[in-house]
PDB file of N, CA and C in Angstrom:
ATOM      1  N   UNK A   1       0.853  -1.178   0.000  1.00  0.00           N
ATOM      2  CA  UNK A   1       0.000   0.000   0.000  1.00  0.00           C
ATOM      3  C   UNK A   1       0.894   1.236   0.000  1.00  0.00           C
ATOM      4  N   UNK A   2       0.621   2.185  -0.862  1.00  0.00           N
ATOM      5  CA  UNK A   2       1.417   3.405  -0.903  1.00  0.00           C
ATOM      6  C   UNK A   2       0.910   4.391   0.138  1.00  0.00           C
ATOM      7  N   UNK A   3       1.795   5.300   0.551  1.00  0.00           N
ATOM      8  CA  UNK A   3       1.411   6.320   1.525  1.00  0.00           C
ATOM      9  C   UNK A   3       0.312   7.226   0.986  1.00  0.00           C
ATOM     10  N   UNK A   4       0.202   7.327  -0.325  1.00  0.00           N
ATOM     11  CA  UNK A   4      -0.794   8.189  -0.944  1.00  0.00           C
ATOM     12  C   UNK A   4      -2.213   7.808  -0.524  1.00  0.00           C
ATOM     13  N   UNK A   5      -2.472   6.516  -0.317  1.00  0.00           N
ATOM     14  CA  UNK A   5      -3.811   6.054   0.007  1.00  0.00           C
ATOM     15  C   UNK A   5      -3.941   5.549   1.439  1.00  0.00           C
ATOM     16  N   UNK A   6      -2.896   5.710   2.251  1.00  0.00           N
ATOM     17  CA  UNK A   6      -2.928   5.199   3.616  1.00  0.00           C
ATOM     18  C   UNK A   6      -3.332   6.301   4.580  1.00  0.00           C
ATOM     19  N   UNK A   7      -4.330   6.017   5.397  1.00  0.00           N
ATOM     20  CA  UNK A   7      -4.755   6.943   6.437  1.00  0.00           C
ATOM     21  C   UNK A   7      -4.515   6.264   7.770  1.00  0.00           C
ATOM     22  N   UNK A   8      -3.795   6.922   8.655  1.00  0.00           N
ATOM     23  CA  UNK A   8      -3.492   6.353   9.966  1.00  0.00           C
ATOM     24  C   UNK A   8      -4.781   6.210  10.772  1.00  0.00           C
ATOM     25  N   UNK A   9      -5.083   4.992  11.246  1.00  0.00           N
ATOM     26  CA  UNK A   9      -6.281   4.809  12.068  1.00  0.00           C
ATOM     27  C   UNK A   9      -6.184   5.626  13.353  1.00  0.00           C
ATOM     28  N   UNK A  10      -7.312   6.169  13.774  1.00  0.00           N
ATOM     29  CA  UNK A  10      -7.367   6.953  15.005  1.00  0.00           C
ATOM     30  C   UNK A  10      -8.428   6.363  15.912  1.00  0.00           C
ATOM     31  N   UNK A  11      -8.343   6.699  17.174  1.00  0.00           N
ATOM     32  CA  UNK A  11      -9.360   6.257  18.126  1.00  0.00           C
ATOM     33  C   UNK A  11     -10.698   6.883  17.753  1.00  0.00           C
ATOM     34  N   UNK A  12     -11.762   6.175  18.033  1.00  0.00           N
ATOM     35  CA  UNK A  12     -13.105   6.665  17.736  1.00  0.00           C
ATOM     36  C   UNK A  12     -13.334   7.981  18.462  1.00  0.00           C
ATOM     37  N   UNK A  13     -13.787   8.998  17.776  1.00  0.00           N
ATOM     38  CA  UNK A  13     -13.937  10.338  18.340  1.00  0.00           C
ATOM     39  C   UNK A  13     -15.240  10.947  17.844  1.00  0.00           C
ATOM     40  N   UNK A  14     -16.148  11.257  18.759  1.00  0.00           N
ATOM     41  CA  UNK A  14     -17.422  11.867  18.349  1.00  0.00           C
ATOM     42  C   UNK A  14     -17.456  13.359  18.662  1.00  0.00           C
ATOM     43  N   UNK A  15     -16.303  13.959  18.969  1.00  0.00           N
ATOM     44  CA  UNK A  15     -16.282  15.380  19.307  1.00  0.00           C
ATOM     45  C   UNK A  15     -16.494  16.270  18.083  1.00  0.00           C
ATOM     46  N   UNK A  16     -16.211  15.759  16.894  1.00  0.00           N
ATOM     47  CA  UNK A  16     -16.427  16.522  15.665  1.00  0.00           C
ATOM     48  C   UNK A  16     -17.644  15.951  14.950  1.00  0.00           C
ATOM     49  N   UNK A  17     -18.547  16.829  14.545  1.00  0.00           N
ATOM     50  CA  UNK A  17     -19.767  16.399  13.858  1.00  0.00           C
ATOM     51  C   UNK A  17     -19.737  16.881  12.412  1.00  0.00           C
ATOM     52  N   UNK A  18     -20.260  16.063  11.515  1.00  0.00           N
ATOM     53  CA  UNK A  18     -20.319  16.395  10.097  1.00  0.00           C
ATOM     54  C   UNK A  18     -21.718  16.092   9.585  1.00  0.00           C
ATOM     55  N   UNK A  19     -22.165  16.857   8.635  1.00  0.00           N
ATOM     56  CA  UNK A  19     -23.464  16.604   8.016  1.00  0.00           C
ATOM     57  C   UNK A  19     -23.263  15.805   6.736  1.00  0.00           C
ATOM     58  N   UNK A  20     -24.231  14.942   6.450  1.00  0.00           N
ATOM     59  CA  UNK A  20     -24.188  14.136   5.232  1.00  0.00           C
ATOM     60  C   UNK A  20     -25.611  13.943   4.732  1.00  0.00           C
ATOM     61  N   UNK A  21     -25.738  13.669   3.449  1.00  0.00           N
ATOM     62  CA  UNK A  21     -27.042  13.389   2.849  1.00  0.00           C
ATOM     63  C   UNK A  21     -27.075  11.917   2.476  1.00  0.00           C
ATOM     64  N   UNK A  22     -28.158  11.229   2.839  1.00  0.00           N
ATOM     65  CA  UNK A  22     -28.308   9.817   2.484  1.00  0.00           C
ATOM     66  C   UNK A  22     -28.693   9.734   1.010  1.00  0.00           C
ATOM     67  N   UNK A  23     -27.830   9.104   0.218  1.00  0.00           N
ATOM     68  CA  UNK A  23     -28.074   8.924  -1.214  1.00  0.00           C
ATOM     69  C   UNK A  23     -28.896   7.660  -1.439  1.00  0.00           C
ATOM     70  N   UNK A  24     -28.545   6.584  -0.711  1.00  0.00           N
ATOM     71  CA  UNK A  24     -29.304   5.339  -0.825  1.00  0.00           C
ATOM     72  C   UNK A  24     -29.151   4.530   0.454  1.00  0.00           C
ATOM     73  N   UNK A  25     -30.130   3.683   0.699  1.00  0.00           N
ATOM     74  CA  UNK A  25     -30.124   2.788   1.857  1.00  0.00           C
ATOM     75  C   UNK A  25     -30.738   1.473   1.398  1.00  0.00           C
ATOM     76  N   UNK A  26     -29.905   0.428   1.331  1.00  0.00           N
ATOM     77  CA  UNK A  26     -30.359  -0.858   0.806  1.00  0.00           C
ATOM     78  C   UNK A  26     -30.110  -1.964   1.825  1.00  0.00           C
ATOM     79  N   UNK A  27     -31.143  -2.714   2.126  1.00  0.00           N
ATOM     80  CA  UNK A  27     -30.996  -3.845   3.039  1.00  0.00           C
ATOM     81  C   UNK A  27     -30.140  -4.906   2.361  1.00  0.00           C
ATOM     82  N   UNK A  28     -29.132  -5.436   3.099  1.00  0.00           N
ATOM     83  CA  UNK A  28     -28.263  -6.463   2.521  1.00  0.00           C
ATOM     84  C   UNK A  28     -28.398  -7.795   3.243  1.00  0.00           C
ATOM     85  N   UNK A  29     -29.278  -7.865   4.228  1.00  0.00           N
ATOM     86  CA  UNK A  29     -29.584  -9.137   4.886  1.00  0.00           C
ATOM     87  C   UNK A  29     -30.961  -9.588   4.426  1.00  0.00           C
ATOM     88  N   UNK A  30     -31.215 -10.883   4.514  1.00  0.00           N
ATOM     89  CA  UNK A  30     -32.513 -11.405   4.087  1.00  0.00           C
ATOM     90  C   UNK A  30     -33.603 -10.970   5.062  1.00  0.00           C
ATOM     91  N   UNK A  31     -34.836 -11.043   4.612  1.00  0.00           N
ATOM     92  CA  UNK A  31     -35.983 -10.697   5.460  1.00  0.00           C
ATOM     93  C   UNK A  31     -36.076 -11.625   6.667  1.00  0.00           C
ATOM     94  N   UNK A  32     -35.510 -12.832   6.565  1.00  0.00           N
ATOM     95  CA  UNK A  32     -35.569 -13.810   7.654  1.00  0.00           C
ATOM     96  C   UNK A  32     -34.423 -13.646   8.655  1.00  0.00           C
ATOM     97  N   UNK A  33     -33.470 -12.796   8.378  1.00  0.00           N
ATOM     98  CA  UNK A  33     -32.317 -12.615   9.270  1.00  0.00           C
ATOM     99  C   UNK A  33     -32.762 -12.011  10.600  1.00  0.00           C
ATOM    100  N   UNK A  34     -32.057 -12.378  11.681  1.00  0.00           N
ATOM    101  CA  UNK A  34     -32.386 -11.855  13.008  1.00  0.00           C
ATOM    102  C   UNK A  34     -32.117 -10.359  13.115  1.00  0.00           C
ATOM    103  N   UNK A  35     -31.099  -9.886  12.433  1.00  0.00           N
ATOM    104  CA  UNK A  35     -30.750  -8.467  12.473  1.00  0.00           C
ATOM    105  C   UNK A  35     -30.807  -7.889  11.067  1.00  0.00           C
ATOM    106  N   UNK A  36     -31.111  -6.617  10.989  1.00  0.00           N
ATOM    107  CA  UNK A  36     -31.139  -5.936   9.701  1.00  0.00           C
ATOM    108  C   UNK A  36     -29.825  -5.189   9.507  1.00  0.00           C
ATOM    109  N   UNK A  37     -29.150  -5.472   8.401  1.00  0.00           N
ATOM    110  CA  UNK A  37     -27.918  -4.780   8.044  1.00  0.00           C
ATOM    111  C   UNK A  37     -28.173  -4.084   6.719  1.00  0.00           C
ATOM    112  N   UNK A  38     -27.758  -2.813   6.634  1.00  0.00           N
ATOM    113  CA  UNK A  38     -28.008  -2.028   5.430  1.00  0.00           C
ATOM    114  C   UNK A  38     -26.707  -1.452   4.887  1.00  0.00           C
ATOM    115  N   UNK A  39     -26.661  -1.299   3.571  1.00  0.00           N
ATOM    116  CA  UNK A  39     -25.585  -0.545   2.939  1.00  0.00           C
ATOM    117  C   UNK A  39     -26.135   0.860   2.741  1.00  0.00           C
ATOM    118  N   UNK A  40     -25.486   1.821   3.357  1.00  0.00           N
ATOM    119  CA  UNK A  40     -25.937   3.205   3.274  1.00  0.00           C
ATOM    120  C   UNK A  40     -24.867   4.005   2.546  1.00  0.00           C
ATOM    121  N   UNK A  41     -25.271   4.684   1.485  1.00  0.00           N
ATOM    122  CA  UNK A  41     -24.356   5.528   0.726  1.00  0.00           C
ATOM    123  C   UNK A  41     -24.637   6.970   1.119  1.00  0.00           C
ATOM    124  N   UNK A  42     -23.582   7.677   1.548  1.00  0.00           N
ATOM    125  CA  UNK A  42     -23.709   9.058   2.006  1.00  0.00           C
ATOM    126  C   UNK A  42     -23.020  10.013   1.051  1.00  0.00           C
ATOM    127  N   UNK A  43     -23.594  11.194   0.894  1.00  0.00           N
ATOM    128  CA  UNK A  43     -22.955  12.284   0.168  1.00  0.00           C
ATOM    129  C   UNK A  43     -22.396  13.221   1.233  1.00  0.00           C
ATOM    130  N   UNK A  44     -21.065  13.282   1.319  1.00  0.00           N
ATOM    131  CA  UNK A  44     -20.388  14.083   2.330  1.00  0.00           C
ATOM    132  C   UNK A  44     -19.561  15.134   1.599  1.00  0.00           C
ATOM    133  N   UNK A  45     -19.716  16.416   1.944  1.00  0.00           N
ATOM    134  CA  UNK A  45     -18.908  17.441   1.276  1.00  0.00           C
ATOM    135  C   UNK A  45     -17.419  17.096   1.342  1.00  0.00           C
ATOM    136  N   UNK A  46     -16.727  17.263   0.228  1.00  0.00           N
ATOM    137  CA  UNK A  46     -15.322  16.854   0.110  1.00  0.00           C
ATOM    138  C   UNK A  46     -14.416  17.515   1.136  1.00  0.00           C
ATOM    139  N   UNK A  47     -14.733  18.701   1.562  1.00  0.00           N
ATOM    140  CA  UNK A  47     -13.863  19.415   2.495  1.00  0.00           C
ATOM    141  C   UNK A  47     -14.062  18.993   3.950  1.00  0.00           C
ATOM    142  N   UNK A  48     -15.033  18.143   4.240  1.00  0.00           N
ATOM    143  CA  UNK A  48     -15.357  17.784   5.619  1.00  0.00           C
ATOM    144  C   UNK A  48     -14.228  17.050   6.333  1.00  0.00           C
ATOM    145  N   UNK A  49     -13.810  15.915   5.796  1.00  0.00           N
ATOM    146  CA  UNK A  49     -12.745  15.134   6.407  1.00  0.00           C
ATOM    147  C   UNK A  49     -12.165  14.183   5.381  1.00  0.00           C
ATOM    148  N   UNK A  50     -11.019  13.605   5.700  1.00  0.00           N
ATOM    149  CA  UNK A  50     -10.323  12.710   4.779  1.00  0.00           C
ATOM    150  C   UNK A  50     -10.778  11.278   5.036  1.00  0.00           C
ATOM    151  N   UNK A  51     -11.109  10.564   3.967  1.00  0.00           N
ATOM    152  CA  UNK A  51     -11.513   9.168   4.085  1.00  0.00           C
ATOM    153  C   UNK A  51     -11.143   8.435   2.808  1.00  0.00           C
ATOM    154  N   UNK A  52     -11.137   7.117   2.887  1.00  0.00           N
ATOM    155  CA  UNK A  52     -10.858   6.273   1.736  1.00  0.00           C
ATOM    156  C   UNK A  52     -12.134   5.517   1.400  1.00  0.00           C
ATOM    157  N   UNK A  53     -12.471   5.434   0.115  1.00  0.00           N
ATOM    158  CA  UNK A  53     -13.665   4.707  -0.309  1.00  0.00           C
ATOM    159  C   UNK A  53     -13.648   3.303   0.275  1.00  0.00           C
ATOM    160  N   UNK A  54     -14.773   2.895   0.854  1.00  0.00           N
ATOM    161  CA  UNK A  54     -14.878   1.578   1.466  1.00  0.00           C
ATOM    162  C   UNK A  54     -14.600   1.585   2.958  1.00  0.00           C
ATOM    163  N   UNK A  55     -14.088   2.687   3.472  1.00  0.00           N
ATOM    164  CA  UNK A  55     -13.796   2.804   4.901  1.00  0.00           C
ATOM    165  C   UNK A  55     -15.106   2.894   5.680  1.00  0.00           C
ATOM    166  N   UNK A  56     -15.123   2.354   6.885  1.00  0.00           N
ATOM    167  CA  UNK A  56     -16.316   2.406   7.736  1.00  0.00           C
ATOM    168  C   UNK A  56     -16.311   3.677   8.571  1.00  0.00           C
ATOM    169  N   UNK A  57     -17.510   4.220   8.808  1.00  0.00           N
ATOM    170  CA  UNK A  57     -17.663   5.366   9.697  1.00  0.00           C
ATOM    171  C   UNK A  57     -18.848   5.109  10.614  1.00  0.00           C
ATOM    172  N   UNK A  58     -18.914   5.829  11.693  1.00  0.00           N
ATOM    173  CA  UNK A  58     -20.056   5.732  12.601  1.00  0.00           C
ATOM    174  C   UNK A  58     -21.076   6.802  12.255  1.00  0.00           C
ATOM    175  N   UNK A  59     -22.343   6.454  12.359  1.00  0.00           N
ATOM    176  CA  UNK A  59     -23.416   7.403  12.079  1.00  0.00           C
ATOM    177  C   UNK A  59     -24.302   7.492  13.305  1.00  0.00           C
ATOM    178  N   UNK A  60     -24.437   8.687  13.840  1.00  0.00           N
ATOM    179  CA  UNK A  60     -25.314   8.922  14.980  1.00  0.00           C
ATOM    180  C   UNK A  60     -26.424   9.853  14.529  1.00  0.00           C
ATOM    181  N   UNK A  61     -27.643   9.350  14.522  1.00  0.00           N
ATOM    182  CA  UNK A  61     -28.792  10.165  14.136  1.00  0.00           C
ATOM    183  C   UNK A  61     -29.184  11.055  15.311  1.00  0.00           C
ATOM    184  N   UNK A  62     -29.687  12.255  15.038  1.00  0.00           N
ATOM    185  CA  UNK A  62     -30.096  13.124  16.137  1.00  0.00           C
ATOM    186  C   UNK A  62     -31.319  12.556  16.859  1.00  0.00           C
ATOM    187  N   UNK A  63     -31.412  12.759  18.185  1.00  0.00           N
ATOM    188  CA  UNK A  63     -32.581  12.278  18.928  1.00  0.00           C
ATOM    189  C   UNK A  63     -33.801  13.107  18.560  1.00  0.00           C
ATOM    190  N   UNK A  64     -35.009  12.730  18.885  1.00  0.00           N
ATOM    191  CA  UNK A  64     -35.364  11.549  19.674  1.00  0.00           C
ATOM    192  C   UNK A  64     -35.322  10.280  18.830  1.00  0.00           C
ATOM    193  N   UNK A  65     -34.979   9.186  19.459  1.00  0.00           N
ATOM    194  CA  UNK A  65     -34.884   7.904  18.779  1.00  0.00           C
ATOM    195  C   UNK A  65     -36.213   7.185  18.885  1.00  0.00           C
ATOM    196  N   UNK A  66     -36.671   6.629  17.779  1.00  0.00           N
ATOM    197  CA  UNK A  66     -37.930   5.892  17.766  1.00  0.00           C
ATOM    198  C   UNK A  66     -37.728   4.452  18.206  1.00  0.00           C
ATOM    199  N   UNK A  67     -36.509   3.952  18.163  1.00  0.00           N
ATOM    200  CA  UNK A  67     -36.206   2.583  18.550  1.00  0.00           C
ATOM    201  C   UNK A  67     -34.753   2.524  18.983  1.00  0.00           C
ATOM    202  N   UNK A  68     -34.346   1.430  19.560  1.00  0.00           N
ATOM    203  CA  UNK A  68     -32.945   1.259  19.944  1.00  0.00           C
ATOM    204  C   UNK A  68     -32.592   2.025  21.200  1.00  0.00           C
ATOM    205  N   UNK A  69     -31.320   2.332  21.334  1.00  0.00           N
ATOM    206  CA  UNK A  69     -30.805   2.991  22.530  1.00  0.00           C
ATOM    207  C   UNK A  69     -30.251   4.366  22.196  1.00  0.00           C
ATOM    208  N   UNK A  70     -30.312   5.287  23.165  1.00  0.00           N
ATOM    209  CA  UNK A  70     -29.634   6.569  23.005  1.00  0.00           C
ATOM    210  C   UNK A  70     -28.140   6.308  23.010  1.00  0.00           C
ATOM    211  N   UNK A  71     -27.401   6.999  22.145  1.00  0.00           N
ATOM    212  CA  UNK A  71     -25.952   6.776  22.062  1.00  0.00           C
ATOM    213  C   UNK A  71     -25.235   7.962  22.624  1.00  0.00           C
TER     214      UNK A  71
END
């Protein structure tokens, strides 16, 4: 891997918030699966932060939550 595409992993940090637009949300688990897993494609302004395509990020929706737990 070249340094050009390498981003040093950092500890999870929620102190910085960014806005994104959901472009698509597709369920990737079967209807019979115990848990629902989705592929979510986000449109994030290029100047927000540095990322590599395929990298995972955390998404925290603003409250109030209709289900699940407050994060």
